[in-house]
Amino acid sequence: MALKIRPKRFGPVFVRFDGVGGVTFATDANGPDQLHPPYDKPVLTMMASVGHCLVESIRIVASRENAEIAPFAISVVSEKALDMPGRLQSIRCLVHGKLPDTPGGASNLVKQAKAICTVSNTLNCDITVELGSAELSS
């Protein structure tokens, strides 16, 4: 019998927009809202950053269309790659709630938001890590 290996899953992380301007975070659908993203695992913090950037991007696109925006949430889950080096192979964001009825519909609004999301777009860039001086700077 062949052994099947499943990728490790992370999340969900929930990023909730209150409809006015406030954003909160949670790691459980019914969990308490926090004013800060999860910080116990760096991967969860990164996932919260992707979700938060998408919230802001949706707000920007809706504003450009002069559309009122109601409360909504984004849930973010990810899977780790099976091969090395250690990394995520995928991040999946689901938008929950009623988005404004803009030209092209909600799916077009989400597509435009993804296109301007700095955080998710940055994850496609080269990242370098170098040693600096031995002294910590303040």
Protein backbone atom coordinates (compact mmCIF):
# COMPACT_ATOMS: atom_id res chain seq x y z
CA MET A 1 0.00 0.00 0.00
CA ALA A 2 1.35 3.41 -1.01
CA LEU A 3 1.82 5.97 1.72
CA LYS A 4 -0.02 9.24 1.10
CA ILE A 5 1.47 12.33 2.62
CA ARG A 6 -0.78 15.30 3.15
CA PRO A 7 0.54 18.82 3.43
CA LYS A 8 0.40 20.47 6.84
CA ARG A 9 -2.41 22.98 7.04
CA PHE A 10 -2.38 26.32 8.83
CA GLY A 11 -5.31 28.45 9.85
CA PRO A 12 -7.87 29.59 9.52
CA VAL A 13 -7.18 33.18 10.37
CA PHE A 14 -10.20 35.48 10.19
CA VAL A 15 -9.89 39.15 9.35
CA ARG A 16 -13.14 41.02 10.04
CA PHE A 17 -14.10 44.45 8.76
CA ASP A 18 -16.81 46.19 10.79
CA GLY A 19 -18.23 48.25 7.90
CA VAL A 20 -16.93 51.52 9.33
CA GLY A 21 -13.15 51.22 9.39
CA GLY A 22 -12.27 48.83 12.16
CA VAL A 23 -10.51 45.52 11.54
CA THR A 24 -10.20 42.65 14.00
CA PHE A 25 -8.56 39.22 13.88
CA ALA A 26 -9.45 35.75 15.16
CA THR A 27 -8.16 32.20 14.77
CA ASP A 28 -11.57 30.60 15.26
CA ALA A 29 -14.87 31.36 13.50
CA ASN A 30 -16.54 31.89 16.87
CA GLY A 31 -13.42 33.01 18.69
CA PRO A 32 -12.95 36.38 20.33
CA ASP A 33 -11.96 39.28 18.11
CA GLN A 34 -8.50 40.68 18.71
CA LEU A 35 -7.21 44.11 17.72
CA HIS A 36 -3.91 42.57 16.64
CA PRO A 37 -3.10 39.70 14.28
CA PRO A 38 -2.08 36.34 15.76
CA TYR A 39 1.57 36.43 16.74
CA ASP A 40 2.26 33.00 18.25
CA LYS A 41 3.30 31.56 14.87
CA PRO A 42 4.90 33.69 12.14
CA VAL A 43 2.97 31.86 9.41
CA LEU A 44 -0.33 32.92 11.03
CA THR A 45 0.89 36.52 11.22
CA MET A 46 1.75 36.39 7.52
CA MET A 47 -1.67 34.91 6.68
CA ALA A 48 -3.36 37.68 8.71
CA SER A 49 -1.32 40.24 6.77
CA VAL A 50 -2.56 38.83 3.47
CA GLY A 51 -6.17 38.90 4.72
CA HIS A 52 -5.84 42.41 6.14
CA CYS A 53 -4.31 43.74 2.92
CA LEU A 54 -7.19 42.22 0.96
CA VAL A 55 -9.70 43.89 3.31
CA GLU A 56 -8.03 47.24 2.65
CA SER A 57 -7.86 46.55 -1.09
CA ILE A 58 -11.58 45.72 -1.21
CA ARG A 59 -12.29 48.98 0.63
CA ILE A 60 -10.18 50.92 -1.90
CA VAL A 61 -11.91 49.37 -4.91
CA ALA A 62 -15.36 49.93 -3.39
CA SER A 63 -14.45 53.55 -2.64
CA ARG A 64 -13.36 54.10 -6.25
CA GLU A 65 -16.81 52.88 -7.31
CA ASN A 66 -18.53 55.10 -4.69
CA ALA A 67 -20.06 51.94 -3.21
CA GLU A 68 -21.15 51.56 0.41
CA ILE A 69 -19.46 48.62 2.07
CA ALA A 70 -21.10 46.48 4.75
CA PRO A 71 -19.27 44.37 7.34
CA PHE A 72 -17.49 41.37 5.84
CA ALA A 73 -14.74 38.92 6.76
CA ILE A 74 -11.95 37.09 5.02
CA SER A 75 -10.85 33.65 6.16
CA VAL A 76 -7.33 32.60 5.26
CA VAL A 77 -5.99 29.03 5.21
CA SER A 78 -2.72 27.71 3.86
CA GLU A 79 -0.87 24.49 3.13
CA LYS A 80 2.82 23.81 3.53
CA ALA A 81 4.79 22.47 0.56
CA LEU A 82 5.81 18.82 0.83
CA ASP A 83 9.30 19.35 -0.59
CA MET A 84 12.14 21.52 0.62
CA PRO A 85 12.79 24.30 1.26
CA GLY A 86 10.10 24.82 3.89
CA ARG A 87 7.45 27.20 2.55
CA LEU A 88 3.75 27.51 1.90
CA GLN A 89 2.56 26.01 -1.36
CA SER A 90 -0.78 27.81 -1.23
CA ILE A 91 -2.78 30.45 0.59
CA ARG A 92 -6.55 30.48 0.10
CA CYS A 93 -8.66 33.50 1.01
CA LEU A 94 -12.44 33.35 1.15
CA VAL A 95 -14.51 36.53 1.38
CA HIS A 96 -17.59 36.12 3.59
CA GLY A 97 -20.46 38.60 3.54
CA LYS A 98 -22.25 40.75 1.02
CA LEU A 99 -19.94 42.94 -1.00
CA PRO A 100 -21.25 46.04 -2.78
CA ASP A 101 -22.94 45.62 -6.12
CA THR A 102 -20.37 47.32 -8.33
CA PRO A 103 -20.04 47.19 -12.12
CA GLY A 104 -18.91 43.67 -12.97
CA GLY A 105 -20.24 42.29 -9.69
CA ALA A 106 -18.59 41.14 -6.49
CA SER A 107 -16.23 38.75 -8.29
CA ASN A 108 -14.80 41.63 -10.32
CA LEU A 109 -14.39 43.71 -7.15
CA VAL A 110 -12.44 40.85 -5.54
CA LYS A 111 -10.32 40.41 -8.68
CA GLN A 112 -9.43 44.13 -8.70
CA ALA A 113 -8.66 43.99 -4.97
CA LYS A 114 -6.29 41.05 -5.46
CA ALA A 115 -4.54 42.96 -8.26
CA ILE A 116 -3.69 45.88 -5.91
CA CYS A 117 -2.99 43.83 -2.75
CA THR A 118 0.59 44.76 -1.92
CA VAL A 119 1.13 41.92 0.54
CA SER A 120 -0.07 39.05 -1.66
CA ASN A 121 1.72 40.52 -4.66
CA THR A 122 4.93 40.86 -2.64
CA LEU A 123 4.92 37.17 -1.75
CA ASN A 124 5.91 36.55 -5.37
CA CYS A 125 9.12 38.57 -5.02
CA ASP A 126 12.69 37.50 -4.33
CA ILE A 127 13.59 37.81 -0.65
CA THR A 128 17.21 38.02 0.44
CA VAL A 129 18.60 37.54 3.94
CA GLU A 130 22.02 38.92 4.84
CA LEU A 131 24.07 39.40 7.97
CA GLY A 132 24.38 42.93 9.25
CA SER A 133 26.66 44.27 11.95
CA ALA A 134 26.94 42.50 15.27
CA GLU A 135 25.64 45.63 17.02
CA LEU A 136 21.91 46.11 17.44
CA SER A 137 20.71 49.49 16.26
CA SER A 138 17.83 51.31 17.87
